[in-house]
Amino acid sequence: MKAKFFVVLCVSAALTACAGNKSEEVLVNTNQSAQAAYNDAKEILDSGLYSRAIELLKAMESRFPFGPIARQVQLDLIYAYHASGDVKQCLASIDRFIRLNPNHPDLDYVYYMRGLTNQKADENAFQEFFGIDRADRDMASTKQAFEDFKILTSTYPNSKYAADGQARMVFIKEKLARHEMLVADYYSRRGAHLAAANRAKYIIEFYRDSSKVPEALQLMITSYDALGLTKLRDDAKAVLALNFPQAEMPEQSSN
């Protein structure tokens, strides 16, 4: 009985393997050249059928693992994963491409796509649809996106993607400053004035060109005042008055 059961399992496994091979043949015609197969996959990709394009490109990657078309297939897979919203697979494909092709002429594009994908990772569809501010959420991917665009703009300053990367860095810095301000306000409301002051100081040091600097200085003034650190409070007041004369000066509880 056991022997019969073993035979059934073997036959089942063989049928499964045959089905898998047949499926692979359907995806990529074995009589096609690499260029012809790529042209078919690219046409599907350009039409916006990303799931189907990913299937074809992955099959091509398995069948034609070497040569210039193999690199182009990997680049197109990066785009297809990004366009389909598959952040995890996109980042994995990007990191693999960078590791295997450290001197590829299109690395500027790859770093640009990594920045876009990390930026996308922190987006919230619910937030975008309903206009809910989620600047209080974890910003790890947004910070990584900033680093990706920084690599792009510093390593490839003449890239056609550099200008957009620079603009996105400005946007991200504003977003990160807003996040830090929310955290600083949270500490202030809980009476953790030193932590609040340190967060506000961080904004001034690292996001000095953001719109949150006046607010950060105001929070530093109230926090140092609450701690009785009059010298630091007065220094913050002087900076606020000099650089933002129109900003409201916070009330103080100590002299």
Protein backbone atom coordinates (compact mmCIF):
# COMPACT_ATOMS: atom_id res chain seq x y z
CA MET A 1 0.00 0.00 0.00
CA LYS A 2 2.83 2.36 0.89
CA ALA A 3 4.58 1.56 -2.41
CA LYS A 4 1.44 2.42 -4.40
CA PHE A 5 1.10 5.67 -2.47
CA PHE A 6 4.73 6.54 -3.26
CA VAL A 7 4.15 5.88 -6.96
CA VAL A 8 1.09 8.16 -6.94
CA LEU A 9 3.14 10.93 -5.34
CA CYS A 10 5.90 10.57 -7.93
CA VAL A 11 3.42 10.67 -10.82
CA SER A 12 1.72 13.72 -9.30
CA ALA A 13 5.04 15.52 -8.91
CA ALA A 14 6.00 14.71 -12.49
CA LEU A 15 2.69 16.05 -13.81
CA THR A 16 3.16 19.23 -11.79
CA ALA A 17 6.65 19.71 -13.20
CA CYS A 18 5.37 19.20 -16.74
CA ALA A 19 2.61 21.73 -16.16
CA GLY A 20 5.17 24.22 -14.88
CA ASN A 21 7.37 23.75 -17.93
CA LYS A 22 4.38 24.10 -20.24
CA SER A 23 3.40 27.33 -18.51
CA GLU A 24 6.94 28.65 -18.98
CA GLU A 25 6.77 27.82 -22.69
CA VAL A 26 3.50 29.70 -23.00
CA LEU A 27 5.03 32.77 -21.36
CA VAL A 28 8.12 32.82 -23.59
CA ASN A 29 7.99 31.11 -26.97
CA THR A 30 11.04 28.85 -27.16
CA ASN A 31 11.38 29.62 -30.86
CA GLN A 32 11.67 33.36 -30.25
CA SER A 33 14.95 35.19 -30.11
CA ALA A 34 15.78 37.20 -27.00
CA GLN A 35 15.05 40.45 -28.82
CA ALA A 36 11.69 39.26 -30.16
CA ALA A 37 10.62 37.99 -26.73
CA TYR A 38 11.70 41.27 -25.17
CA ASN A 39 9.76 43.29 -27.75
CA ASP A 40 6.59 41.37 -26.85
CA ALA A 41 7.13 41.91 -23.13
CA LYS A 42 7.90 45.61 -23.65
CA GLU A 43 4.71 46.08 -25.64
CA ILE A 44 2.70 44.58 -22.77
CA LEU A 45 4.55 46.78 -20.27
CA ASP A 46 3.96 49.94 -22.31
CA SER A 47 0.25 49.12 -22.49
CA GLY A 48 0.04 49.27 -18.68
CA LEU A 49 -0.65 45.57 -18.10
CA TYR A 50 1.91 45.40 -15.34
CA SER A 51 1.07 42.02 -13.81
CA ARG A 52 1.26 40.33 -17.20
CA ALA A 53 4.43 42.24 -18.06
CA ILE A 54 6.05 41.10 -14.81
CA GLU A 55 5.24 37.47 -15.65
CA LEU A 56 6.80 37.80 -19.10
CA LEU A 57 9.86 39.69 -17.89
CA LYS A 58 10.51 37.18 -15.10
CA ALA A 59 10.24 34.32 -17.60
CA MET A 60 12.67 36.15 -19.88
CA GLU A 61 15.07 36.71 -17.01
CA SER A 62 15.11 32.95 -16.39
CA ARG A 63 15.55 32.03 -20.05
CA PHE A 64 18.02 34.77 -21.03
CA PRO A 65 20.06 35.44 -17.86
CA PHE A 66 23.06 36.99 -19.64
CA GLY A 67 23.75 39.75 -22.13
CA PRO A 68 22.55 43.34 -22.63
CA ILE A 69 18.89 42.34 -22.87
CA ALA A 70 19.13 40.64 -19.47
CA ARG A 71 20.12 43.98 -17.89
CA GLN A 72 17.31 45.79 -19.71
CA VAL A 73 14.83 43.16 -18.54
CA GLN A 74 15.94 43.78 -14.95
CA LEU A 75 15.49 47.53 -15.41
CA ASP A 76 12.02 47.02 -16.85
CA LEU A 77 11.11 44.73 -13.97
CA ILE A 78 12.05 47.53 -11.57
CA TYR A 79 9.70 49.88 -13.39
CA ALA A 80 6.92 47.28 -13.61
CA TYR A 81 7.07 46.49 -9.89
CA HIS A 82 7.02 50.20 -9.06
CA ALA A 83 4.11 50.91 -11.39
CA SER A 84 2.13 47.97 -9.99
CA GLY A 85 2.66 49.20 -6.42
CA ASP A 86 4.75 46.21 -5.31
CA VAL A 87 7.18 48.16 -3.13
CA LYS A 88 8.85 45.12 -1.58
CA GLN A 89 9.67 43.40 -4.88
CA CYS A 90 10.71 46.68 -6.47
CA LEU A 91 13.23 47.46 -3.73
CA ALA A 92 14.54 43.90 -3.81
CA SER A 93 15.04 44.13 -7.59
CA ILE A 94 16.76 47.50 -7.25
CA ASP A 95 19.17 46.33 -4.56
CA ARG A 96 19.98 43.21 -6.58
CA PHE A 97 20.64 45.27 -9.71
CA ILE A 98 22.97 47.65 -7.87
CA ARG A 99 24.83 44.73 -6.30
CA LEU A 100 25.30 42.90 -9.62
CA ASN A 101 25.89 45.95 -11.82
CA PRO A 102 27.87 48.50 -9.77
CA ASN A 103 29.16 50.28 -12.90
CA HIS A 104 26.06 50.18 -15.09
CA PRO A 105 25.47 53.40 -17.08
CA ASP A 106 21.83 53.55 -15.93
CA LEU A 107 22.54 53.51 -12.20
CA ASP A 108 21.29 57.10 -11.96
CA TYR A 109 17.87 55.83 -13.05
CA VAL A 110 18.05 52.95 -10.57
CA TYR A 111 18.80 55.25 -7.62
CA TYR A 112 16.04 57.58 -8.80
CA MET A 113 13.60 54.67 -8.83
CA ARG A 114 14.75 53.60 -5.37
CA GLY A 115 14.04 57.09 -4.09
CA LEU A 116 10.60 57.09 -5.70
CA THR A 117 9.82 53.65 -4.32
CA ASN A 118 10.92 54.45 -0.77
CA GLN A 119 8.92 57.66 -0.97
CA LYS A 120 5.94 55.62 -2.11
CA ALA A 121 6.40 53.17 0.75
CA ASP A 122 5.45 55.84 3.29
CA GLU A 123 2.42 57.03 1.37
CA ASN A 124 -0.97 56.14 2.79
CA ALA A 125 -3.84 55.64 0.36
CA PHE A 126 -6.33 56.35 3.12
CA GLN A 127 -4.54 59.61 3.88
CA GLU A 128 -4.46 60.70 0.24
CA PHE A 129 -8.14 59.89 -0.32
CA PHE A 130 -9.53 61.43 2.85
CA GLY A 131 -6.93 64.15 3.39
CA ILE A 132 -5.86 62.78 6.78
CA ASP A 133 -2.48 64.08 7.97
CA ARG A 134 -0.24 61.15 8.88
CA ALA A 135 3.00 63.04 9.45
CA ASP A 136 3.10 61.40 12.88
CA ARG A 137 3.77 57.93 11.43
CA ASP A 138 7.18 56.28 11.13
CA MET A 139 9.28 58.05 8.50
CA ALA A 140 12.06 55.49 7.95
CA SER A 141 11.29 54.97 4.27
CA THR A 142 10.97 58.71 3.67
CA LYS A 143 14.38 59.26 5.24
CA GLN A 144 15.81 56.51 3.04
CA ALA A 145 14.22 58.16 0.00
CA PHE A 146 16.04 61.38 0.90
CA GLU A 147 19.34 59.47 1.03
CA ASP A 148 18.59 57.83 -2.33
CA PHE A 149 17.95 61.19 -3.99
CA LYS A 150 21.06 62.55 -2.29
CA ILE A 151 23.16 59.79 -3.86
CA LEU A 152 21.55 60.53 -7.22
CA THR A 153 22.16 64.29 -7.13
CA SER A 154 25.68 64.10 -5.70
CA THR A 155 27.00 61.16 -7.73
CA TYR A 156 25.17 61.93 -10.97
CA PRO A 157 24.69 65.73 -10.99
CA ASN A 158 24.26 65.78 -14.79
CA SER A 159 21.62 63.06 -14.83
CA LYS A 160 18.28 63.91 -16.39
CA TYR A 161 16.72 62.75 -13.11
CA ALA A 162 18.86 65.02 -10.89
CA ALA A 163 16.60 68.09 -11.04
CA ASP A 164 13.52 66.15 -9.98
CA GLY A 165 15.56 64.36 -7.32
CA GLN A 166 16.65 67.73 -5.92
CA ALA A 167 13.07 68.99 -5.86
CA ARG A 168 11.95 65.86 -4.06
CA MET A 169 14.68 66.34 -1.45
CA VAL A 170 13.27 69.80 -0.67
CA PHE A 171 9.77 68.32 -0.35
CA ILE A 172 11.00 65.48 1.86
CA LYS A 173 12.93 67.84 4.16
CA GLU A 174 9.74 69.83 4.71
CA LYS A 175 7.85 66.63 5.44
CA LEU A 176 10.49 65.41 7.90
CA ALA A 177 10.57 68.81 9.63
CA ARG A 178 6.80 68.63 10.06
CA HIS A 179 7.17 65.16 11.53
CA GLU A 180 9.83 66.31 14.01
CA MET A 181 7.62 69.25 15.01
CA LEU A 182 4.71 66.94 15.77
CA VAL A 183 6.97 64.81 17.96
CA ALA A 184 8.34 67.91 19.72
CA ASP A 185 4.80 69.15 20.39
CA TYR A 186 3.89 65.74 21.78
CA TYR A 187 6.78 65.87 24.25
CA SER A 188 5.87 69.43 25.21
CA ARG A 189 2.25 68.52 25.95
CA ARG A 190 3.46 65.69 28.19
CA GLY A 191 5.76 68.04 30.11
CA ALA A 192 8.94 66.51 28.70
CA HIS A 193 10.39 69.95 28.00
CA LEU A 194 14.01 68.91 27.51
CA ALA A 195 13.03 66.30 24.93
CA ALA A 196 10.80 68.88 23.24
CA ALA A 197 13.61 71.43 23.11
CA ASN A 198 16.04 68.87 21.69
CA ARG A 199 13.60 67.89 18.94
CA ALA A 200 13.03 71.55 18.08
CA LYS A 201 16.79 72.13 18.02
CA TYR A 202 17.15 69.18 15.64
CA ILE A 203 14.78 70.89 13.20
CA ILE A 204 16.87 74.07 13.25
CA GLU A 205 20.12 72.16 12.74
CA PHE A 206 19.03 69.76 10.00
CA TYR A 207 16.00 71.40 8.38
CA ARG A 208 16.99 75.06 8.65
CA ASP A 209 15.40 75.96 5.33
CA SER A 210 12.00 74.46 6.22
CA SER A 211 8.91 76.45 7.16
CA LYS A 212 8.92 74.86 10.63
CA VAL A 213 11.99 76.76 11.91
CA PRO A 214 10.04 79.70 13.48
CA GLU A 215 7.71 77.25 15.23
CA ALA A 216 10.69 75.23 16.43
CA LEU A 217 12.32 78.36 17.88
CA GLN A 218 9.08 79.27 19.64
CA LEU A 219 8.92 75.82 21.20
CA MET A 220 12.55 76.06 22.28
CA ILE A 221 11.77 79.35 24.03
CA THR A 222 8.80 77.93 25.95
CA SER A 223 10.64 74.69 26.75
CA TYR A 224 13.79 76.38 28.06
CA ASP A 225 11.59 78.81 29.98
CA ALA A 226 9.77 75.91 31.64
CA LEU A 227 13.12 74.36 32.55
CA GLY A 228 14.45 77.63 33.96
CA LEU A 229 17.26 77.71 31.40
CA THR A 230 17.07 81.46 30.86
CA LYS A 231 20.32 81.80 28.89
CA LEU A 232 19.25 79.23 26.32
CA ARG A 233 15.77 80.74 26.26
CA ASP A 234 17.11 84.23 25.59
CA ASP A 235 19.45 82.92 22.88
CA ALA A 236 16.48 81.32 21.12
CA LYS A 237 14.50 84.55 21.50
CA ALA A 238 17.31 86.53 19.90
CA VAL A 239 17.50 84.15 16.94
CA LEU A 240 13.72 84.28 16.47
CA ALA A 241 13.60 88.08 16.65
CA LEU A 242 16.52 88.51 14.25
CA ASN A 243 15.50 86.01 11.59
CA PHE A 244 11.71 86.05 11.90
CA PRO A 245 10.69 89.51 13.17
CA GLN A 246 7.05 88.91 12.22
CA ALA A 247 6.81 85.74 14.32
CA GLU A 248 4.94 85.87 17.62
CA MET A 249 7.19 85.86 20.70
CA PRO A 250 5.95 83.27 23.23
CA GLU A 251 4.91 84.34 26.71
CA GLN A 252 7.35 83.55 29.51
CA SER A 253 6.81 82.43 33.06
CA SER A 254 10.27 83.36 34.38
CA ASN A 255 12.60 86.35 34.08
